Each structure stands twice: as C-alpha cells, then as structure tokens.
Amino acid sequence: MPPEARNTRSACSDPDGRGPRLFFQAVPEGKTAKNRLHLDVRAAPGLTGEERMAALEAEASRLVALGGTRLARHEPDPPLSHGFIVMADPEGNELCLD
C-alpha cells in the first residue's frame, strides 16, 4: 500500500466469527448531508454470480418491506466487484448490500 493511502481504512470483526465485519474507509469527498457514515452490509457471504445477486435481491426486498428504498443495482464485474445493491434507510442514509 502506498504511504499516502495508509490509515485511510480499517476493519473490525467479531472475534468469535458470528457477528458482522465492520469496514471503515475514508473517502475523498466532503460531507454533503447530515450523516456521513456509509455501511456495506454483507448479505451474501461466500456466494458468487447469479446466486449472490439473488440473495442480495431477496435482502433488498425484505428491507423495502421494512421502509427502505432501493436506489441502484451494480452487476458483478470481476475481479473488481462481485456485484452489490445500493439502498437507503427511511431517513435517506445510503447503505450497500454486499
């Protein structure tokens, strides 16, 4: 990792491996709204391709039923992306189903 990119991201995990991993990453743009925290929620761990996207779609549908809003679907583009769905909570804060 180049020196200028050090300390721009970090992660924490449940030591027992049951809970989710939290990943924090600095971004270049400044704050433009009241909340600047963006969560990536692992909704399809270990899955790939259509099986992964089907699991993400199922979770997106569940969240929409609870008041969330679906914003965009990004198709898999290996090796850079395995595909994800961008959502917003009822207050408009974005999160990604990953």
PDB file of N, CA and C in Angstrom:
ATOM      1  N   MET A   1       0.849  -1.173   0.000  1.00  0.00           N
ATOM      2  CA  MET A   1       0.000   0.000   0.000  1.00  0.00           C
ATOM      3  C   MET A   1       0.896   1.238   0.000  1.00  0.00           C
ATOM      4  N   PRO A   2       0.630   2.187  -0.888  1.00  0.00           N
ATOM      5  CA  PRO A   2       1.458   3.388  -0.910  1.00  0.00           C
ATOM      6  C   PRO A   2       1.306   4.190   0.386  1.00  0.00           C
ATOM      7  N   PRO A   3       2.345   4.903   0.796  1.00  0.00           N
ATOM      8  CA  PRO A   3       2.295   5.654   2.057  1.00  0.00           C
ATOM      9  C   PRO A   3       1.108   6.602   2.167  1.00  0.00           C
ATOM     10  N   GLU A   4       0.721   7.273   1.068  1.00  0.00           N
ATOM     11  CA  GLU A   4      -0.393   8.227   1.153  1.00  0.00           C
ATOM     12  C   GLU A   4      -1.750   7.553   1.377  1.00  0.00           C
ATOM     13  N   ALA A   5      -1.835   6.255   1.157  1.00  0.00           N
ATOM     14  CA  ALA A   5      -3.102   5.531   1.357  1.00  0.00           C
ATOM     15  C   ALA A   5      -3.178   4.842   2.718  1.00  0.00           C
ATOM     16  N   ARG A   6      -2.091   4.863   3.455  1.00  0.00           N
ATOM     17  CA  ARG A   6      -2.097   4.231   4.780  1.00  0.00           C
ATOM     18  C   ARG A   6      -3.018   4.994   5.722  1.00  0.00           C
ATOM     19  N   ASN A   7      -3.629   4.270   6.616  1.00  0.00           N
ATOM     20  CA  ASN A   7      -4.548   4.822   7.616  1.00  0.00           C
ATOM     21  C   ASN A   7      -5.790   5.453   6.997  1.00  0.00           C
ATOM     22  N   THR A   8      -6.186   5.004   5.814  1.00  0.00           N
ATOM     23  CA  THR A   8      -7.424   5.507   5.193  1.00  0.00           C
ATOM     24  C   THR A   8      -8.560   4.504   5.324  1.00  0.00           C
ATOM     25  N   ARG A   9      -8.283   3.335   5.871  1.00  0.00           N
ATOM     26  CA  ARG A   9      -9.321   2.319   6.046  1.00  0.00           C
ATOM     27  C   ARG A   9      -8.952   1.394   7.186  1.00  0.00           C
ATOM     28  N   SER A  10      -9.983   0.785   7.738  1.00  0.00           N
ATOM     29  CA  SER A  10      -9.782  -0.135   8.844  1.00  0.00           C
ATOM     30  C   SER A  10     -11.006  -1.036   8.937  1.00  0.00           C
ATOM     31  N   ALA A  11     -10.856  -2.144   9.605  1.00  0.00           N
ATOM     32  CA  ALA A  11     -11.969  -3.068   9.787  1.00  0.00           C
ATOM     33  C   ALA A  11     -11.896  -3.662  11.177  1.00  0.00           C
ATOM     34  N   CYS A  12     -13.048  -4.077  11.682  1.00  0.00           N
ATOM     35  CA  CYS A  12     -13.089  -4.823  12.929  1.00  0.00           C
ATOM     36  C   CYS A  12     -14.052  -5.995  12.736  1.00  0.00           C
ATOM     37  N   SER A  13     -13.730  -7.095  13.402  1.00  0.00           N
ATOM     38  CA  SER A  13     -14.518  -8.316  13.265  1.00  0.00           C
ATOM     39  C   SER A  13     -14.833  -8.890  14.629  1.00  0.00           C
ATOM     40  N   ASP A  14     -15.922  -9.611  14.701  1.00  0.00           N
ATOM     41  CA  ASP A  14     -16.292 -10.350  15.900  1.00  0.00           C
ATOM     42  C   ASP A  14     -15.251 -11.447  16.101  1.00  0.00           C
ATOM     43  N   PRO A  15     -14.559 -11.477  17.242  1.00  0.00           N
ATOM     44  CA  PRO A  15     -13.523 -12.489  17.438  1.00  0.00           C
ATOM     45  C   PRO A  15     -14.066 -13.920  17.397  1.00  0.00           C
ATOM     46  N   ASP A  16     -15.360 -14.087  17.662  1.00  0.00           N
ATOM     47  CA  ASP A  16     -15.966 -15.423  17.597  1.00  0.00           C
ATOM     48  C   ASP A  16     -16.448 -15.772  16.197  1.00  0.00           C
ATOM     49  N   GLY A  17     -16.374 -14.802  15.266  1.00  0.00           N
ATOM     50  CA  GLY A  17     -16.762 -15.061  13.889  1.00  0.00           C
ATOM     51  C   GLY A  17     -18.260 -15.141  13.640  1.00  0.00           C
ATOM     52  N   ARG A  18     -19.077 -14.746  14.605  1.00  0.00           N
ATOM     53  CA  ARG A  18     -20.539 -14.824  14.432  1.00  0.00           C
ATOM     54  C   ARG A  18     -21.128 -13.519  13.922  1.00  0.00           C
ATOM     55  N   GLY A  19     -20.620 -12.411  14.402  1.00  0.00           N
ATOM     56  CA  GLY A  19     -21.174 -11.111  14.036  1.00  0.00           C
ATOM     57  C   GLY A  19     -20.597 -10.582  12.744  1.00  0.00           C
ATOM     58  N   PRO A  20     -21.129  -9.463  12.272  1.00  0.00           N
ATOM     59  CA  PRO A  20     -20.653  -8.899  11.001  1.00  0.00           C
ATOM     60  C   PRO A  20     -19.291  -8.220  11.146  1.00  0.00           C
ATOM     61  N   ARG A  21     -18.610  -8.095  10.043  1.00  0.00           N
ATOM     62  CA  ARG A  21     -17.361  -7.343   9.972  1.00  0.00           C
ATOM     63  C   ARG A  21     -17.734  -5.892   9.671  1.00  0.00           C
ATOM     64  N   LEU A  22     -17.139  -4.945  10.373  1.00  0.00           N
ATOM     65  CA  LEU A  22     -17.360  -3.525  10.107  1.00  0.00           C
ATOM     66  C   LEU A  22     -16.128  -2.980   9.410  1.00  0.00           C
ATOM     67  N   PHE A  23     -16.345  -2.330   8.268  1.00  0.00           N
ATOM     68  CA  PHE A  23     -15.246  -1.794   7.469  1.00  0.00           C
ATOM     69  C   PHE A  23     -15.411  -0.281   7.396  1.00  0.00           C
ATOM     70  N   PHE A  24     -14.365   0.454   7.717  1.00  0.00           N
ATOM     71  CA  PHE A  24     -14.377   1.913   7.689  1.00  0.00           C
ATOM     72  C   PHE A  24     -13.368   2.375   6.646  1.00  0.00           C
ATOM     73  N   GLN A  25     -13.793   3.311   5.795  1.00  0.00           N
ATOM     74  CA  GLN A  25     -12.921   3.780   4.722  1.00  0.00           C
ATOM     75  C   GLN A  25     -13.092   5.287   4.550  1.00  0.00           C
ATOM     76  N   ALA A  26     -11.975   6.006   4.499  1.00  0.00           N
ATOM     77  CA  ALA A  26     -12.017   7.437   4.215  1.00  0.00           C
ATOM     78  C   ALA A  26     -12.366   7.633   2.747  1.00  0.00           C
ATOM     79  N   VAL A  27     -13.110   8.682   2.456  1.00  0.00           N
ATOM     80  CA  VAL A  27     -13.469   8.990   1.070  1.00  0.00           C
ATOM     81  C   VAL A  27     -13.009  10.407   0.744  1.00  0.00           C
ATOM     82  N   PRO A  28     -12.758  10.694  -0.537  1.00  0.00           N
ATOM     83  CA  PRO A  28     -12.207  11.998  -0.901  1.00  0.00           C
ATOM     84  C   PRO A  28     -13.200  13.150  -0.795  1.00  0.00           C
ATOM     85  N   GLU A  29     -14.484  12.887  -0.990  1.00  0.00           N
ATOM     86  CA  GLU A  29     -15.441  13.991  -0.975  1.00  0.00           C
ATOM     87  C   GLU A  29     -15.817  14.374   0.460  1.00  0.00           C
ATOM     88  N   GLY A  30     -16.160  15.621   0.632  1.00  0.00           N
ATOM     89  CA  GLY A  30     -16.548  16.123   1.942  1.00  0.00           C
ATOM     90  C   GLY A  30     -17.983  15.777   2.274  1.00  0.00           C
ATOM     91  N   LYS A  31     -18.368  16.070   3.493  1.00  0.00           N
ATOM     92  CA  LYS A  31     -19.728  15.818   3.953  1.00  0.00           C
ATOM     93  C   LYS A  31     -20.701  16.727   3.209  1.00  0.00           C
ATOM     94  N   THR A  32     -21.771  16.134   2.673  1.00  0.00           N
ATOM     95  CA  THR A  32     -22.769  16.925   1.944  1.00  0.00           C
ATOM     96  C   THR A  32     -24.157  16.798   2.548  1.00  0.00           C
ATOM     97  N   ALA A  33     -24.308  15.955   3.547  1.00  0.00           N
ATOM     98  CA  ALA A  33     -25.607  15.757   4.199  1.00  0.00           C
ATOM     99  C   ALA A  33     -25.374  15.539   5.681  1.00  0.00           C
ATOM    100  N   LYS A  34     -26.448  15.318   6.424  1.00  0.00           N
ATOM    101  CA  LYS A  34     -26.311  15.228   7.870  1.00  0.00           C
ATOM    102  C   LYS A  34     -25.518  14.013   8.343  1.00  0.00           C
ATOM    103  N   ASN A  35     -25.591  12.894   7.621  1.00  0.00           N
ATOM    104  CA  ASN A  35     -24.859  11.697   8.019  1.00  0.00           C
ATOM    105  C   ASN A  35     -23.791  11.356   6.987  1.00  0.00           C
ATOM    106  N   ARG A  36     -22.605  11.030   7.438  1.00  0.00           N
ATOM    107  CA  ARG A  36     -21.521  10.703   6.519  1.00  0.00           C
ATOM    108  C   ARG A  36     -21.065   9.259   6.678  1.00  0.00           C
ATOM    109  N   LEU A  37     -21.784   8.462   7.437  1.00  0.00           N
ATOM    110  CA  LEU A  37     -21.452   7.064   7.625  1.00  0.00           C
ATOM    111  C   LEU A  37     -22.156   6.245   6.557  1.00  0.00           C
ATOM    112  N   HIS A  38     -21.424   5.389   5.884  1.00  0.00           N
ATOM    113  CA  HIS A  38     -21.985   4.518   4.851  1.00  0.00           C
ATOM    114  C   HIS A  38     -21.663   3.086   5.222  1.00  0.00           C
ATOM    115  N   LEU A  39     -22.689   2.254   5.356  1.00  0.00           N
ATOM    116  CA  LEU A  39     -22.485   0.862   5.715  1.00  0.00           C
ATOM    117  C   LEU A  39     -22.570  -0.041   4.496  1.00  0.00           C
ATOM    118  N   ASP A  40     -21.687  -1.020   4.432  1.00  0.00           N
ATOM    119  CA  ASP A  40     -21.784  -2.121   3.475  1.00  0.00           C
ATOM    120  C   ASP A  40     -22.213  -3.330   4.291  1.00  0.00           C
ATOM    121  N   VAL A  41     -23.398  -3.842   4.017  1.00  0.00           N
ATOM    122  CA  VAL A  41     -23.952  -4.957   4.775  1.00  0.00           C
ATOM    123  C   VAL A  41     -23.717  -6.246   3.996  1.00  0.00           C
ATOM    124  N   ARG A  42     -23.004  -7.185   4.590  1.00  0.00           N
ATOM    125  CA  ARG A  42     -22.727  -8.474   3.942  1.00  0.00           C
ATOM    126  C   ARG A  42     -24.001  -9.315   3.985  1.00  0.00           C
ATOM    127  N   ALA A  43     -24.668  -9.402   2.858  1.00  0.00           N
ATOM    128  CA  ALA A  43     -25.926 -10.149   2.770  1.00  0.00           C
ATOM    129  C   ALA A  43     -25.784 -11.430   1.970  1.00  0.00           C
ATOM    130  N   ALA A  44     -24.615 -11.680   1.398  1.00  0.00           N
ATOM    131  CA  ALA A  44     -24.412 -12.883   0.580  1.00  0.00           C
ATOM    132  C   ALA A  44     -22.984 -13.399   0.729  1.00  0.00           C
ATOM    133  N   PRO A  45     -22.521 -13.616   1.968  1.00  0.00           N
ATOM    134  CA  PRO A  45     -21.132 -14.065   2.137  1.00  0.00           C
ATOM    135  C   PRO A  45     -20.895 -15.422   1.490  1.00  0.00           C
ATOM    136  N   GLY A  46     -19.792 -15.506   0.760  1.00  0.00           N
ATOM    137  CA  GLY A  46     -19.402 -16.759   0.132  1.00  0.00           C
ATOM    138  C   GLY A  46     -20.103 -17.078  -1.178  1.00  0.00           C
ATOM    139  N   LEU A  47     -21.083 -16.280  -1.571  1.00  0.00           N
ATOM    140  CA  LEU A  47     -21.811 -16.542  -2.815  1.00  0.00           C
ATOM    141  C   LEU A  47     -21.222 -15.731  -3.959  1.00  0.00           C
ATOM    142  N   THR A  48     -21.386 -16.217  -5.184  1.00  0.00           N
ATOM    143  CA  THR A  48     -20.905 -15.518  -6.370  1.00  0.00           C
ATOM    144  C   THR A  48     -21.951 -15.573  -7.470  1.00  0.00           C
ATOM    145  N   GLY A  49     -21.767 -14.732  -8.464  1.00  0.00           N
ATOM    146  CA  GLY A  49     -22.601 -14.751  -9.661  1.00  0.00           C
ATOM    147  C   GLY A  49     -24.077 -14.559  -9.388  1.00  0.00           C
ATOM    148  N   GLU A  50     -24.901 -15.298 -10.123  1.00  0.00           N
ATOM    149  CA  GLU A  50     -26.358 -15.153 -10.004  1.00  0.00           C
ATOM    150  C   GLU A  50     -26.873 -15.561  -8.638  1.00  0.00           C
ATOM    151  N   GLU A  51     -26.239 -16.550  -8.014  1.00  0.00           N
ATOM    152  CA  GLU A  51     -26.655 -16.964  -6.670  1.00  0.00           C
ATOM    153  C   GLU A  51     -26.472 -15.806  -5.682  1.00  0.00           C
ATOM    154  N   ARG A  52     -25.360 -15.109  -5.814  1.00  0.00           N
ATOM    155  CA  ARG A  52     -25.092 -13.944  -4.951  1.00  0.00           C
ATOM    156  C   ARG A  52     -26.114 -12.845  -5.182  1.00  0.00           C
ATOM    157  N   MET A  53     -26.358 -12.513  -6.457  1.00  0.00           N
ATOM    158  CA  MET A  53     -27.283 -11.435  -6.768  1.00  0.00           C
ATOM    159  C   MET A  53     -28.709 -11.790  -6.332  1.00  0.00           C
ATOM    160  N   ALA A  54     -29.085 -13.060  -6.427  1.00  0.00           N
ATOM    161  CA  ALA A  54     -30.416 -13.482  -5.966  1.00  0.00           C
ATOM    162  C   ALA A  54     -30.544 -13.292  -4.455  1.00  0.00           C
ATOM    163  N   ALA A  55     -29.490 -13.602  -3.698  1.00  0.00           N
ATOM    164  CA  ALA A  55     -29.505 -13.394  -2.250  1.00  0.00           C
ATOM    165  C   ALA A  55     -29.595 -11.906  -1.922  1.00  0.00           C
ATOM    166  N   LEU A  56     -28.874 -11.079  -2.675  1.00  0.00           N
ATOM    167  CA  LEU A  56     -28.939  -9.628  -2.458  1.00  0.00           C
ATOM    168  C   LEU A  56     -30.329  -9.096  -2.790  1.00  0.00           C
ATOM    169  N   GLU A  57     -30.932  -9.587  -3.858  1.00  0.00           N
ATOM    170  CA  GLU A  57     -32.289  -9.166  -4.233  1.00  0.00           C
ATOM    171  C   GLU A  57     -33.294  -9.528  -3.148  1.00  0.00           C
ATOM    172  N   ALA A  58     -33.155 -10.728  -2.574  1.00  0.00           N
ATOM    173  CA  ALA A  58     -34.065 -11.150  -1.502  1.00  0.00           C
ATOM    174  C   ALA A  58     -33.937 -10.226  -0.290  1.00  0.00           C
ATOM    175  N   GLU A  59     -32.707  -9.877   0.070  1.00  0.00           N
ATOM    176  CA  GLU A  59     -32.499  -8.975   1.212  1.00  0.00           C
ATOM    177  C   GLU A  59     -32.998  -7.573   0.890  1.00  0.00           C
ATOM    178  N   ALA A  60     -32.797  -7.107  -0.337  1.00  0.00           N
ATOM    179  CA  ALA A  60     -33.310  -5.790  -0.741  1.00  0.00           C
ATOM    180  C   ALA A  60     -34.826  -5.757  -0.621  1.00  0.00           C
ATOM    181  N   SER A  61     -35.498  -6.798  -1.059  1.00  0.00           N
ATOM    182  CA  SER A  61     -36.965  -6.864  -0.961  1.00  0.00           C
ATOM    183  C   SER A  61     -37.414  -6.831   0.500  1.00  0.00           C
ATOM    184  N   ARG A  62     -36.699  -7.545   1.365  1.00  0.00           N
ATOM    185  CA  ARG A  62     -37.028  -7.544   2.792  1.00  0.00           C
ATOM    186  C   ARG A  62     -36.883  -6.141   3.381  1.00  0.00           C
ATOM    187  N   LEU A  63     -35.809  -5.444   3.011  1.00  0.00           N
ATOM    188  CA  LEU A  63     -35.589  -4.100   3.539  1.00  0.00           C
ATOM    189  C   LEU A  63     -36.596  -3.089   2.995  1.00  0.00           C
ATOM    190  N   VAL A  64     -36.993  -3.230   1.737  1.00  0.00           N
ATOM    191  CA  VAL A  64     -38.025  -2.346   1.178  1.00  0.00           C
ATOM    192  C   VAL A  64     -39.334  -2.528   1.954  1.00  0.00           C
ATOM    193  N   ALA A  65     -39.672  -3.760   2.297  1.00  0.00           N
ATOM    194  CA  ALA A  65     -40.887  -4.021   3.070  1.00  0.00           C
ATOM    195  C   ALA A  65     -40.826  -3.390   4.457  1.00  0.00           C
ATOM    196  N   LEU A  66     -39.621  -3.144   4.949  1.00  0.00           N
ATOM    197  CA  LEU A  66     -39.439  -2.521   6.263  1.00  0.00           C
ATOM    198  C   LEU A  66     -39.293  -1.003   6.188  1.00  0.00           C
ATOM    199  N   GLY A  67     -39.392  -0.430   4.981  1.00  0.00           N
ATOM    200  CA  GLY A  67     -39.316   1.018   4.835  1.00  0.00           C
ATOM    201  C   GLY A  67     -38.098   1.536   4.111  1.00  0.00           C
ATOM    202  N   GLY A  68     -37.210   0.657   3.686  1.00  0.00           N
ATOM    203  CA  GLY A  68     -36.027   1.080   2.942  1.00  0.00           C
ATOM    204  C   GLY A  68     -36.374   1.413   1.497  1.00  0.00           C
ATOM    205  N   THR A  69     -35.428   1.998   0.801  1.00  0.00           N
ATOM    206  CA  THR A  69     -35.600   2.348  -0.606  1.00  0.00           C
ATOM    207  C   THR A  69     -34.452   1.764  -1.405  1.00  0.00           C
ATOM    208  N   ARG A  70     -34.795   1.125  -2.499  1.00  0.00           N
ATOM    209  CA  ARG A  70     -33.782   0.581  -3.396  1.00  0.00           C
ATOM    210  C   ARG A  70     -33.331   1.697  -4.338  1.00  0.00           C
ATOM    211  N   LEU A  71     -32.029   1.928  -4.447  1.00  0.00           N
ATOM    212  CA  LEU A  71     -31.507   3.013  -5.278  1.00  0.00           C
ATOM    213  C   LEU A  71     -30.844   2.535  -6.568  1.00  0.00           C
ATOM    214  N   ALA A  72     -30.060   1.465  -6.511  1.00  0.00           N
ATOM    215  CA  ALA A  72     -29.346   1.016  -7.713  1.00  0.00           C
ATOM    216  C   ALA A  72     -28.846  -0.403  -7.538  1.00  0.00           C
ATOM    217  N   ARG A  73     -28.715  -1.099  -8.660  1.00  0.00           N
ATOM    218  CA  ARG A  73     -28.093  -2.427  -8.674  1.00  0.00           C
ATOM    219  C   ARG A  73     -26.847  -2.342  -9.542  1.00  0.00           C
ATOM    220  N   HIS A  74     -25.735  -2.829  -9.011  1.00  0.00           N
ATOM    221  CA  HIS A  74     -24.473  -2.862  -9.738  1.00  0.00           C
ATOM    222  C   HIS A  74     -24.129  -4.314 -10.012  1.00  0.00           C
ATOM    223  N   GLU A  75     -24.065  -4.656 -11.275  1.00  0.00           N
ATOM    224  CA  GLU A  75     -23.808  -6.030 -11.690  1.00  0.00           C
ATOM    225  C   GLU A  75     -22.374  -6.444 -11.358  1.00  0.00           C
ATOM    226  N   PRO A  76     -22.146  -7.747 -11.177  1.00  0.00           N
ATOM    227  CA  PRO A  76     -20.788  -8.225 -10.944  1.00  0.00           C
ATOM    228  C   PRO A  76     -19.855  -7.830 -12.092  1.00  0.00           C
ATOM    229  N   ASP A  77     -18.648  -7.423 -11.730  1.00  0.00           N
ATOM    230  CA  ASP A  77     -17.631  -7.037 -12.696  1.00  0.00           C
ATOM    231  C   ASP A  77     -16.273  -7.523 -12.182  1.00  0.00           C
ATOM    232  N   PRO A  78     -16.097  -8.869 -12.149  1.00  0.00           N
ATOM    233  CA  PRO A  78     -14.845  -9.406 -11.602  1.00  0.00           C
ATOM    234  C   PRO A  78     -13.625  -8.894 -12.367  1.00  0.00           C
ATOM    235  N   PRO A  79     -12.520  -8.727 -11.708  1.00  0.00           N
ATOM    236  CA  PRO A  79     -12.261  -9.036 -10.308  1.00  0.00           C
ATOM    237  C   PRO A  79     -12.524  -7.859  -9.375  1.00  0.00           C
ATOM    238  N   LEU A  80     -12.942  -6.713  -9.900  1.00  0.00           N
ATOM    239  CA  LEU A  80     -13.104  -5.515  -9.067  1.00  0.00           C
ATOM    240  C   LEU A  80     -14.356  -5.540  -8.204  1.00  0.00           C
ATOM    241  N   SER A  81     -15.429  -6.095  -8.694  1.00  0.00           N
ATOM    242  CA  SER A  81     -16.682  -6.083  -7.939  1.00  0.00           C
ATOM    243  C   SER A  81     -17.416  -7.400  -8.133  1.00  0.00           C
ATOM    244  N   HIS A  82     -18.005  -7.870  -7.053  1.00  0.00           N
ATOM    245  CA  HIS A  82     -18.807  -9.090  -7.120  1.00  0.00           C
ATOM    246  C   HIS A  82     -20.286  -8.764  -7.245  1.00  0.00           C
ATOM    247  N   GLY A  83     -20.604  -7.476  -7.394  1.00  0.00           N
ATOM    248  CA  GLY A  83     -21.982  -7.025  -7.505  1.00  0.00           C
ATOM    249  C   GLY A  83     -22.519  -6.571  -6.159  1.00  0.00           C
ATOM    250  N   PHE A  84     -23.368  -5.549  -6.169  1.00  0.00           N
ATOM    251  CA  PHE A  84     -23.966  -5.044  -4.934  1.00  0.00           C
ATOM    252  C   PHE A  84     -25.217  -4.241  -5.264  1.00  0.00           C
ATOM    253  N   ILE A  85     -26.023  -3.985  -4.244  1.00  0.00           N
ATOM    254  CA  ILE A  85     -27.242  -3.194  -4.391  1.00  0.00           C
ATOM    255  C   ILE A  85     -27.163  -2.008  -3.430  1.00  0.00           C
ATOM    256  N   VAL A  86     -27.405  -0.814  -3.929  1.00  0.00           N
ATOM    257  CA  VAL A  86     -27.400   0.397  -3.105  1.00  0.00           C
ATOM    258  C   VAL A  86     -28.817   0.631  -2.604  1.00  0.00           C
ATOM    259  N   MET A  87     -28.938   0.842  -1.297  1.00  0.00           N
ATOM    260  CA  MET A  87     -30.221   1.065  -0.641  1.00  0.00           C
ATOM    261  C   MET A  87     -30.143   2.361   0.170  1.00  0.00           C
ATOM    262  N   ALA A  88     -31.294   2.803   0.651  1.00  0.00           N
ATOM    263  CA  ALA A  88     -31.343   3.925   1.596  1.00  0.00           C
ATOM    264  C   ALA A  88     -32.280   3.540   2.728  1.00  0.00           C
ATOM    265  N   ASP A  89     -31.924   3.952   3.939  1.00  0.00           N
ATOM    266  CA  ASP A  89     -32.818   3.708   5.071  1.00  0.00           C
ATOM    267  C   ASP A  89     -33.958   4.731   5.016  1.00  0.00           C
ATOM    268  N   PRO A  90     -34.948   4.626   5.906  1.00  0.00           N
ATOM    269  CA  PRO A  90     -36.082   5.558   5.843  1.00  0.00           C
ATOM    270  C   PRO A  90     -35.713   7.034   5.965  1.00  0.00           C
ATOM    271  N   GLU A  91     -34.528   7.357   6.516  1.00  0.00           N
ATOM    272  CA  GLU A  91     -34.087   8.757   6.620  1.00  0.00           C
ATOM    273  C   GLU A  91     -33.257   9.187   5.421  1.00  0.00           C
ATOM    274  N   GLY A  92     -33.050   8.281   4.454  1.00  0.00           N
ATOM    275  CA  GLY A  92     -32.296   8.619   3.269  1.00  0.00           C
ATOM    276  C   GLY A  92     -30.815   8.327   3.335  1.00  0.00           C
ATOM    277  N   ASN A  93     -30.326   7.710   4.414  1.00  0.00           N
ATOM    278  CA  ASN A  93     -28.911   7.366   4.536  1.00  0.00           C
ATOM    279  C   ASN A  93     -28.625   6.135   3.678  1.00  0.00           C
ATOM    280  N   GLU A  94     -27.625   6.240   2.833  1.00  0.00           N
ATOM    281  CA  GLU A  94     -27.303   5.132   1.931  1.00  0.00           C
ATOM    282  C   GLU A  94     -26.534   4.015   2.616  1.00  0.00           C
ATOM    283  N   LEU A  95     -26.747   2.803   2.114  1.00  0.00           N
ATOM    284  CA  LEU A  95     -26.003   1.625   2.514  1.00  0.00           C
ATOM    285  C   LEU A  95     -25.934   0.703   1.312  1.00  0.00           C
ATOM    286  N   CYS A  96     -24.991  -0.211   1.323  1.00  0.00           N
ATOM    287  CA  CYS A  96     -24.878  -1.169   0.223  1.00  0.00           C
ATOM    288  C   CYS A  96     -25.079  -2.568   0.745  1.00  0.00           C
ATOM    289  N   LEU A  97     -25.867  -3.353   0.031  1.00  0.00           N
ATOM    290  CA  LEU A  97     -25.952  -4.789   0.279  1.00  0.00           C
ATOM    291  C   LEU A  97     -24.840  -5.403  -0.540  1.00  0.00           C
ATOM    292  N   ASP A  98     -23.919  -6.024   0.141  1.00  0.00           N
ATOM    293  CA  ASP A  98     -22.698  -6.512  -0.487  1.00  0.00           C
ATOM    294  C   ASP A  98     -22.547  -7.997  -0.255  1.00  0.00           C
TER     295      ASP A  98
END
